[in-house]
Amino acid sequence: MSESERDWTVLLGGRRRLDLGEGLTLRLLSAMEVLEARREAGALAQEGRERALCANACLLAKALERDGRPLFDSGRAALEGLRIEDIAALARRWARFSREENPSPEEGEEADALKKAWSTRLTRAFSGVCSGLLGRCPPRPGPGR
């Protein structure tokens, strides 16, 4: 592991690679790498229903490594070298690994408690929330009415 990878692992507080055995690893991708994989998948997919398979193949082309080197140089190469079942299984494994190492702020008990607190906080009468008191007050007559 290079010094910069160690720095990122410490900074992000987790593992950056998942060992699959036989020298194969899945690595987490940066946001830019994920965007690049999506763009490549968009160019590969001929129809809408092909998009998921192409997206997974392009993601794996960037994430799947053997002895620290990419196993495929492109999503097209991953499509040519892997079976559909392998692409699906590896993509699920990568997604699970990514969720474990980068949990969503919308998941878990702590997030549920925050959501509940935000939805039940007190608000002022004029902050866009209807007020029962204002609903009982008759409109005032004035100019223009």
C-alpha atoms as a PDB file:
ATOM      1  CA  MET A   1       0.000   0.000   0.000  1.00  0.00           C
ATOM      2  CA  SER A   2       1.455   3.357  -1.003  1.00  0.00           C
ATOM      3  CA  GLU A   3       1.818   6.241   1.421  1.00  0.00           C
ATOM      4  CA  SER A   4      -1.029   8.201  -0.211  1.00  0.00           C
ATOM      5  CA  GLU A   5      -3.320   5.150   0.019  1.00  0.00           C
ATOM      6  CA  ARG A   6      -2.464   4.796   3.716  1.00  0.00           C
ATOM      7  CA  ASP A   7      -3.272   8.483   4.213  1.00  0.00           C
ATOM      8  CA  TRP A   8      -6.672   8.059   2.515  1.00  0.00           C
ATOM      9  CA  THR A   9      -7.423   4.924   4.530  1.00  0.00           C
ATOM     10  CA  VAL A  10      -6.701   6.757   7.764  1.00  0.00           C
ATOM     11  CA  LEU A  11      -8.598   9.858   6.630  1.00  0.00           C
ATOM     12  CA  LEU A  12     -11.654   7.932   5.471  1.00  0.00           C
ATOM     13  CA  GLY A  13     -11.507   5.566   8.431  1.00  0.00           C
ATOM     14  CA  GLY A  14     -11.845   2.279   6.589  1.00  0.00           C
ATOM     15  CA  ARG A  15     -10.517  -0.319   4.230  1.00  0.00           C
ATOM     16  CA  ARG A  16      -9.981   0.611   0.606  1.00  0.00           C
ATOM     17  CA  ARG A  17      -9.800  -2.941  -0.796  1.00  0.00           C
ATOM     18  CA  LEU A  18     -11.680  -6.195  -0.324  1.00  0.00           C
ATOM     19  CA  ASP A  19      -9.676  -9.400  -0.789  1.00  0.00           C
ATOM     20  CA  LEU A  20     -11.507 -11.928  -2.972  1.00  0.00           C
ATOM     21  CA  GLY A  21      -8.749 -14.545  -2.874  1.00  0.00           C
ATOM     22  CA  GLU A  22      -6.395 -15.793  -5.587  1.00  0.00           C
ATOM     23  CA  GLY A  23      -4.809 -12.340  -5.847  1.00  0.00           C
ATOM     24  CA  LEU A  24      -8.119 -10.649  -6.769  1.00  0.00           C
ATOM     25  CA  THR A  25      -9.328  -7.570  -4.940  1.00  0.00           C
ATOM     26  CA  LEU A  26     -12.175  -5.108  -5.263  1.00  0.00           C
ATOM     27  CA  ARG A  27     -11.275  -1.536  -4.453  1.00  0.00           C
ATOM     28  CA  LEU A  28     -13.494   1.367  -3.561  1.00  0.00           C
ATOM     29  CA  LEU A  29     -13.714   4.017  -6.263  1.00  0.00           C
ATOM     30  CA  SER A  30     -13.560   7.782  -6.085  1.00  0.00           C
ATOM     31  CA  ALA A  31     -16.575   9.829  -7.118  1.00  0.00           C
ATOM     32  CA  MET A  32     -14.838  10.735 -10.382  1.00  0.00           C
ATOM     33  CA  GLU A  33     -14.152   7.074 -11.185  1.00  0.00           C
ATOM     34  CA  VAL A  34     -17.821   6.231 -10.637  1.00  0.00           C
ATOM     35  CA  LEU A  35     -18.859   9.093 -12.946  1.00  0.00           C
ATOM     36  CA  GLU A  36     -16.409   7.912 -15.594  1.00  0.00           C
ATOM     37  CA  ALA A  37     -17.812   4.361 -15.340  1.00  0.00           C
ATOM     38  CA  ARG A  38     -21.360   5.694 -15.770  1.00  0.00           C
ATOM     39  CA  ARG A  39     -20.359   7.696 -18.823  1.00  0.00           C
ATOM     40  CA  GLU A  40     -18.602   4.721 -20.379  1.00  0.00           C
ATOM     41  CA  ALA A  41     -21.664   2.564 -19.683  1.00  0.00           C
ATOM     42  CA  GLY A  42     -23.895   5.135 -21.366  1.00  0.00           C
ATOM     43  CA  ALA A  43     -21.758   4.904 -24.494  1.00  0.00           C
ATOM     44  CA  LEU A  44     -21.795   1.066 -24.457  1.00  0.00           C
ATOM     45  CA  ALA A  45     -25.519   0.551 -23.854  1.00  0.00           C
ATOM     46  CA  GLN A  46     -27.598   0.323 -27.033  1.00  0.00           C
ATOM     47  CA  GLU A  47     -30.947   0.043 -25.195  1.00  0.00           C
ATOM     48  CA  GLY A  48     -32.192   1.065 -21.776  1.00  0.00           C
ATOM     49  CA  ARG A  49     -32.342  -2.481 -20.470  1.00  0.00           C
ATOM     50  CA  GLU A  50     -28.635  -2.962 -21.264  1.00  0.00           C
ATOM     51  CA  ARG A  51     -27.652  -0.010 -19.099  1.00  0.00           C
ATOM     52  CA  ALA A  52     -27.423  -1.883 -15.766  1.00  0.00           C
ATOM     53  CA  LEU A  53     -25.224  -4.652 -17.166  1.00  0.00           C
ATOM     54  CA  CYS A  54     -22.952  -2.131 -18.902  1.00  0.00           C
ATOM     55  CA  ALA A  55     -22.787   0.055 -15.786  1.00  0.00           C
ATOM     56  CA  ASN A  56     -21.790  -2.902 -13.612  1.00  0.00           C
ATOM     57  CA  ALA A  57     -19.167  -4.064 -16.120  1.00  0.00           C
ATOM     58  CA  CYS A  58     -17.656  -0.566 -16.344  1.00  0.00           C
ATOM     59  CA  LEU A  59     -17.610  -0.245 -12.565  1.00  0.00           C
ATOM     60  CA  LEU A  60     -15.883  -3.620 -12.229  1.00  0.00           C
ATOM     61  CA  ALA A  61     -13.338  -2.690 -14.897  1.00  0.00           C
ATOM     62  CA  LYS A  62     -12.201   0.087 -12.554  1.00  0.00           C
ATOM     63  CA  ALA A  63     -12.634  -1.756  -9.234  1.00  0.00           C
ATOM     64  CA  LEU A  64     -11.460  -5.315  -9.939  1.00  0.00           C
ATOM     65  CA  GLU A  65      -7.711  -5.855  -9.589  1.00  0.00           C
ATOM     66  CA  ARG A  66      -5.282  -8.771  -9.638  1.00  0.00           C
ATOM     67  CA  ASP A  67      -2.133  -8.245  -7.589  1.00  0.00           C
ATOM     68  CA  GLY A  68      -2.796  -4.483  -7.446  1.00  0.00           C
ATOM     69  CA  ARG A  69      -3.259  -4.025 -11.217  1.00  0.00           C
ATOM     70  CA  PRO A  70      -6.595  -3.580 -13.050  1.00  0.00           C
ATOM     71  CA  LEU A  71      -7.904  -6.860 -14.415  1.00  0.00           C
ATOM     72  CA  PHE A  72      -9.678  -5.135 -17.339  1.00  0.00           C
ATOM     73  CA  ASP A  73      -8.747  -1.978 -19.207  1.00  0.00           C
ATOM     74  CA  SER A  74     -12.366  -1.022 -20.039  1.00  0.00           C
ATOM     75  CA  GLY A  75     -15.980  -1.930 -19.477  1.00  0.00           C
ATOM     76  CA  ARG A  76     -16.076  -3.523 -22.930  1.00  0.00           C
ATOM     77  CA  ALA A  77     -13.176  -5.795 -21.924  1.00  0.00           C
ATOM     78  CA  ALA A  78     -15.037  -6.751 -18.721  1.00  0.00           C
ATOM     79  CA  LEU A  79     -18.144  -7.581 -20.773  1.00  0.00           C
ATOM     80  CA  GLU A  80     -16.038  -9.751 -23.069  1.00  0.00           C
ATOM     81  CA  GLY A  81     -14.171 -11.480 -20.234  1.00  0.00           C
ATOM     82  CA  LEU A  82     -16.888 -12.123 -17.656  1.00  0.00           C
ATOM     83  CA  ARG A  83     -20.205 -13.972 -17.667  1.00  0.00           C
ATOM     84  CA  ILE A  84     -23.385 -12.073 -16.775  1.00  0.00           C
ATOM     85  CA  GLU A  85     -23.658 -14.043 -13.534  1.00  0.00           C
ATOM     86  CA  ASP A  86     -20.096 -13.105 -12.558  1.00  0.00           C
ATOM     87  CA  ILE A  87     -20.721  -9.423 -13.299  1.00  0.00           C
ATOM     88  CA  ALA A  88     -23.906  -9.450 -11.209  1.00  0.00           C
ATOM     89  CA  ALA A  89     -22.299 -11.276  -8.263  1.00  0.00           C
ATOM     90  CA  LEU A  90     -19.178  -9.085  -8.227  1.00  0.00           C
ATOM     91  CA  ALA A  91     -21.229  -5.895  -8.558  1.00  0.00           C
ATOM     92  CA  ARG A  92     -23.388  -6.938  -5.574  1.00  0.00           C
ATOM     93  CA  ARG A  93     -20.253  -7.737  -3.588  1.00  0.00           C
ATOM     94  CA  TRP A  94     -18.743  -4.329  -4.459  1.00  0.00           C
ATOM     95  CA  ALA A  95     -21.978  -2.529  -3.521  1.00  0.00           C
ATOM     96  CA  ARG A  96     -22.127  -4.322  -0.154  1.00  0.00           C
ATOM     97  CA  PHE A  97     -18.461  -3.492   0.510  1.00  0.00           C
ATOM     98  CA  SER A  98     -19.027   0.153  -0.438  1.00  0.00           C
ATOM     99  CA  ARG A  99     -22.050   0.423   1.898  1.00  0.00           C
ATOM    100  CA  GLU A 100     -20.082  -1.149   4.767  1.00  0.00           C
ATOM    101  CA  GLU A 101     -17.141   1.208   4.337  1.00  0.00           C
ATOM    102  CA  ASN A 102     -19.179   4.319   3.425  1.00  0.00           C
ATOM    103  CA  PRO A 103     -22.511   4.049   5.240  1.00  0.00           C
ATOM    104  CA  SER A 104     -25.249   6.350   4.069  1.00  0.00           C
ATOM    105  CA  PRO A 105     -26.225   9.143   6.450  1.00  0.00           C
ATOM    106  CA  GLU A 106     -29.826   8.097   5.768  1.00  0.00           C
ATOM    107  CA  GLU A 107     -29.376   4.640   7.311  1.00  0.00           C
ATOM    108  CA  GLY A 108     -29.226   3.507  10.914  1.00  0.00           C
ATOM    109  CA  GLU A 109     -30.778   4.331  14.258  1.00  0.00           C
ATOM    110  CA  GLU A 110     -28.887   7.594  14.678  1.00  0.00           C
ATOM    111  CA  ALA A 111     -30.230   8.899  11.361  1.00  0.00           C
ATOM    112  CA  ASP A 112     -33.777   7.819  12.289  1.00  0.00           C
ATOM    113  CA  ALA A 113     -33.551   9.744  15.558  1.00  0.00           C
ATOM    114  CA  LEU A 114     -32.322  12.849  13.724  1.00  0.00           C
ATOM    115  CA  LYS A 115     -35.112  12.598  11.142  1.00  0.00           C
ATOM    116  CA  LYS A 116     -37.703  12.359  13.891  1.00  0.00           C
ATOM    117  CA  ALA A 117     -36.201  15.301  15.759  1.00  0.00           C
ATOM    118  CA  TRP A 118     -36.179  17.439  12.611  1.00  0.00           C
ATOM    119  CA  SER A 119     -39.772  16.587  11.717  1.00  0.00           C
ATOM    120  CA  THR A 120     -41.128  17.417  15.198  1.00  0.00           C
ATOM    121  CA  ARG A 121     -39.175  20.584  15.993  1.00  0.00           C
ATOM    122  CA  LEU A 122     -41.072  23.659  17.073  1.00  0.00           C
ATOM    123  CA  THR A 123     -41.566  26.317  14.443  1.00  0.00           C
ATOM    124  CA  ARG A 124     -42.594  29.937  14.548  1.00  0.00           C
ATOM    125  CA  ALA A 125     -46.033  30.998  13.323  1.00  0.00           C
ATOM    126  CA  PHE A 126     -44.685  32.893  10.308  1.00  0.00           C
ATOM    127  CA  SER A 127     -42.120  30.368   9.076  1.00  0.00           C
ATOM    128  CA  GLY A 128     -44.423  28.914   6.446  1.00  0.00           C
ATOM    129  CA  VAL A 129     -46.245  26.540   8.792  1.00  0.00           C
ATOM    130  CA  CYS A 130     -49.988  26.957   9.212  1.00  0.00           C
ATOM    131  CA  SER A 131     -51.001  28.266  12.584  1.00  0.00           C
ATOM    132  CA  GLY A 132     -54.323  27.497  14.253  1.00  0.00           C
ATOM    133  CA  LEU A 133     -54.336  30.941  15.824  1.00  0.00           C
ATOM    134  CA  LEU A 134     -54.076  32.698  12.455  1.00  0.00           C
ATOM    135  CA  GLY A 135     -56.809  30.451  11.024  1.00  0.00           C
ATOM    136  CA  ARG A 136     -59.352  31.798  13.562  1.00  0.00           C
ATOM    137  CA  CYS A 137     -58.579  35.463  12.931  1.00  0.00           C
ATOM    138  CA  PRO A 138     -60.915  37.142  10.433  1.00  0.00           C
ATOM    139  CA  PRO A 139     -59.262  39.106   7.628  1.00  0.00           C
ATOM    140  CA  ARG A 140     -58.978  42.841   8.320  1.00  0.00           C
ATOM    141  CA  PRO A 141     -60.783  45.232   6.054  1.00  0.00           C
ATOM    142  CA  GLY A 142     -58.400  47.630   4.428  1.00  0.00           C
ATOM    143  CA  PRO A 143     -57.462  49.390   1.261  1.00  0.00           C
ATOM    144  CA  GLY A 144     -57.802  47.230  -1.823  1.00  0.00           C
ATOM    145  CA  ARG A 145     -60.313  44.801  -0.274  1.00  0.00           C
END
